[in-house]
Amino acid sequence: MANKAQFSILPYQRRPGFWRAAISRKDGAVLTMNGITLKSVVTSADFPSEEEAYTDAEKVIRMI
């Protein structure tokens, strides 16, 4: 499980009422998920609020 403090979570609104969150490492290091190297990752689902997108991003970080 990754330390949440090492990550930056940036919620954004794709269009009104459709929120997602981008996740990246604060130190700029790459993320490795399922053998794939990524600079950042975005939550896969849309959420009705910024808070829900942020919460989902925290769940993703726990899986890293």
N, C-alpha and C. Protein backbone atom coordinates (compact mmCIF):
# COMPACT_ATOMS: atom_id res chain seq x y z
N MET A 1 0.85 -1.18 0.00
CA MET A 1 0.00 0.00 0.00
C MET A 1 0.89 1.24 0.00
N ALA A 2 0.58 2.17 -0.87
CA ALA A 2 1.36 3.40 -0.99
C ALA A 2 0.97 4.41 0.09
N ASN A 3 1.90 5.28 0.40
CA ASN A 3 1.67 6.35 1.36
C ASN A 3 0.97 7.51 0.64
N LYS A 4 -0.24 7.82 1.06
CA LYS A 4 -1.05 8.86 0.41
C LYS A 4 -0.33 10.21 0.35
N ALA A 5 0.53 10.48 1.32
CA ALA A 5 1.23 11.76 1.37
C ALA A 5 2.21 11.94 0.21
N GLN A 6 2.56 10.85 -0.46
CA GLN A 6 3.51 10.92 -1.57
C GLN A 6 2.83 11.28 -2.89
N PHE A 7 1.52 11.42 -2.88
CA PHE A 7 0.77 11.61 -4.12
C PHE A 7 0.02 12.94 -4.15
N SER A 8 -0.16 13.41 -5.35
CA SER A 8 -0.96 14.60 -5.59
C SER A 8 -2.27 14.16 -6.24
N ILE A 9 -3.37 14.65 -5.73
CA ILE A 9 -4.69 14.34 -6.29
C ILE A 9 -5.29 15.65 -6.79
N LEU A 10 -5.64 15.66 -8.07
CA LEU A 10 -6.21 16.86 -8.68
C LEU A 10 -7.59 16.53 -9.26
N PRO A 11 -8.65 16.82 -8.51
CA PRO A 11 -9.99 16.60 -9.05
C PRO A 11 -10.28 17.63 -10.14
N TYR A 12 -11.00 17.20 -11.16
CA TYR A 12 -11.39 18.14 -12.21
C TYR A 12 -12.75 17.75 -12.76
N GLN A 13 -13.43 18.73 -13.29
CA GLN A 13 -14.77 18.53 -13.82
C GLN A 13 -14.69 18.41 -15.34
N ARG A 14 -14.99 17.23 -15.85
CA ARG A 14 -14.94 17.01 -17.31
C ARG A 14 -16.02 17.82 -18.01
N ARG A 15 -17.17 17.84 -17.41
CA ARG A 15 -18.30 18.67 -17.84
C ARG A 15 -19.19 18.80 -16.61
N PRO A 16 -20.14 19.69 -16.61
CA PRO A 16 -20.94 19.90 -15.40
C PRO A 16 -21.50 18.59 -14.84
N GLY A 17 -21.17 18.33 -13.57
CA GLY A 17 -21.67 17.15 -12.88
C GLY A 17 -20.89 15.87 -13.12
N PHE A 18 -19.77 15.94 -13.84
CA PHE A 18 -18.97 14.77 -14.15
C PHE A 18 -17.53 15.00 -13.70
N TRP A 19 -17.21 14.49 -12.51
CA TRP A 19 -15.91 14.72 -11.89
C TRP A 19 -15.03 13.48 -11.97
N ARG A 20 -13.74 13.71 -12.18
CA ARG A 20 -12.71 12.68 -12.10
C ARG A 20 -11.54 13.28 -11.33
N ALA A 21 -10.53 12.46 -11.07
CA ALA A 21 -9.35 12.96 -10.38
C ALA A 21 -8.09 12.37 -11.01
N ALA A 22 -7.11 13.23 -11.21
CA ALA A 22 -5.80 12.80 -11.71
C ALA A 22 -4.89 12.56 -10.51
N ILE A 23 -4.10 11.50 -10.60
CA ILE A 23 -3.21 11.12 -9.50
C ILE A 23 -1.79 11.06 -10.05
N SER A 24 -0.86 11.71 -9.36
CA SER A 24 0.55 11.64 -9.74
C SER A 24 1.39 11.67 -8.47
N ARG A 25 2.65 11.27 -8.62
CA ARG A 25 3.55 11.31 -7.47
C ARG A 25 4.08 12.72 -7.30
N LYS A 26 4.17 13.19 -6.08
CA LYS A 26 4.66 14.54 -5.81
C LYS A 26 6.11 14.72 -6.21
N ASP A 27 6.90 13.65 -6.14
CA ASP A 27 8.32 13.75 -6.48
C ASP A 27 8.57 13.59 -7.98
N GLY A 28 7.51 13.40 -8.77
CA GLY A 28 7.65 13.29 -10.22
C GLY A 28 8.02 11.90 -10.71
N ALA A 29 8.22 10.97 -9.79
CA ALA A 29 8.56 9.60 -10.19
C ALA A 29 7.37 8.96 -10.91
N VAL A 30 7.65 7.94 -11.69
CA VAL A 30 6.58 7.27 -12.43
C VAL A 30 5.82 6.31 -11.52
N LEU A 31 4.62 5.98 -11.95
CA LEU A 31 3.79 4.99 -11.26
C LEU A 31 3.88 3.69 -12.05
N THR A 32 3.92 2.58 -11.37
CA THR A 32 3.89 1.29 -12.06
C THR A 32 2.67 0.53 -11.57
N MET A 33 1.78 0.26 -12.50
CA MET A 33 0.55 -0.47 -12.17
C MET A 33 0.39 -1.60 -13.18
N ASN A 34 0.27 -2.81 -12.68
CA ASN A 34 0.11 -3.99 -13.54
C ASN A 34 1.21 -4.07 -14.60
N GLY A 35 2.42 -3.70 -14.22
CA GLY A 35 3.56 -3.78 -15.12
C GLY A 35 3.65 -2.65 -16.14
N ILE A 36 2.77 -1.68 -16.04
CA ILE A 36 2.77 -0.54 -16.96
C ILE A 36 3.29 0.69 -16.23
N THR A 37 4.20 1.41 -16.86
CA THR A 37 4.78 2.61 -16.27
C THR A 37 4.00 3.83 -16.74
N LEU A 38 3.54 4.63 -15.79
CA LEU A 38 2.72 5.80 -16.10
C LEU A 38 3.24 7.03 -15.36
N LYS A 39 3.08 8.19 -15.96
CA LYS A 39 3.41 9.45 -15.31
C LYS A 39 2.30 9.85 -14.33
N SER A 40 1.06 9.58 -14.73
CA SER A 40 -0.10 9.85 -13.87
C SER A 40 -1.22 8.91 -14.27
N VAL A 41 -2.23 8.87 -13.44
CA VAL A 41 -3.40 8.03 -13.71
C VAL A 41 -4.64 8.84 -13.36
N VAL A 42 -5.74 8.55 -14.06
CA VAL A 42 -7.00 9.25 -13.83
C VAL A 42 -8.04 8.22 -13.39
N THR A 43 -8.87 8.60 -12.43
CA THR A 43 -9.94 7.69 -12.01
C THR A 43 -10.78 7.34 -13.23
N SER A 44 -11.26 6.11 -13.27
CA SER A 44 -11.93 5.62 -14.47
C SER A 44 -13.41 5.96 -14.56
N ALA A 45 -14.00 6.33 -13.45
CA ALA A 45 -15.44 6.62 -13.45
C ALA A 45 -15.70 8.11 -13.22
N ASP A 46 -16.85 8.55 -13.68
CA ASP A 46 -17.30 9.92 -13.40
C ASP A 46 -18.07 9.91 -12.09
N PHE A 47 -17.92 10.99 -11.33
CA PHE A 47 -18.61 11.12 -10.05
C PHE A 47 -19.39 12.43 -10.04
N PRO A 48 -20.48 12.48 -9.29
CA PRO A 48 -21.30 13.69 -9.27
C PRO A 48 -20.69 14.85 -8.48
N SER A 49 -19.63 14.58 -7.71
CA SER A 49 -19.03 15.66 -6.93
C SER A 49 -17.51 15.54 -6.89
N GLU A 50 -16.88 16.66 -6.62
CA GLU A 50 -15.42 16.71 -6.48
C GLU A 50 -14.97 15.81 -5.33
N GLU A 51 -15.70 15.83 -4.25
CA GLU A 51 -15.34 15.04 -3.07
C GLU A 51 -15.35 13.54 -3.37
N GLU A 52 -16.34 13.09 -4.12
CA GLU A 52 -16.41 11.66 -4.45
C GLU A 52 -15.26 11.26 -5.38
N ALA A 53 -14.90 12.12 -6.30
CA ALA A 53 -13.76 11.83 -7.18
C ALA A 53 -12.48 11.76 -6.37
N TYR A 54 -12.32 12.66 -5.42
CA TYR A 54 -11.14 12.66 -4.55
C TYR A 54 -11.08 11.38 -3.72
N THR A 55 -12.21 10.98 -3.17
CA THR A 55 -12.27 9.75 -2.36
C THR A 55 -11.91 8.53 -3.20
N ASP A 56 -12.39 8.49 -4.43
CA ASP A 56 -12.05 7.37 -5.30
C ASP A 56 -10.55 7.37 -5.61
N ALA A 57 -9.97 8.54 -5.79
CA ALA A 57 -8.52 8.63 -6.04
C ALA A 57 -7.74 8.08 -4.84
N GLU A 58 -8.21 8.36 -3.65
CA GLU A 58 -7.55 7.82 -2.45
C GLU A 58 -7.61 6.29 -2.46
N LYS A 59 -8.71 5.72 -2.91
CA LYS A 59 -8.83 4.26 -3.01
C LYS A 59 -7.83 3.71 -4.02
N VAL A 60 -7.66 4.41 -5.13
CA VAL A 60 -6.70 3.99 -6.15
C VAL A 60 -5.29 3.99 -5.57
N ILE A 61 -4.96 5.02 -4.83
CA ILE A 61 -3.62 5.11 -4.22
C ILE A 61 -3.38 3.92 -3.30
N ARG A 62 -4.38 3.51 -2.57
CA ARG A 62 -4.21 2.35 -1.67
C ARG A 62 -3.91 1.07 -2.44
N MET A 63 -4.29 1.01 -3.72
CA MET A 63 -4.03 -0.18 -4.54
C MET A 63 -2.64 -0.16 -5.18
N ILE A 64 -1.99 0.99 -5.17
CA ILE A 64 -0.68 1.11 -5.81
C ILE A 64 0.37 0.42 -4.96
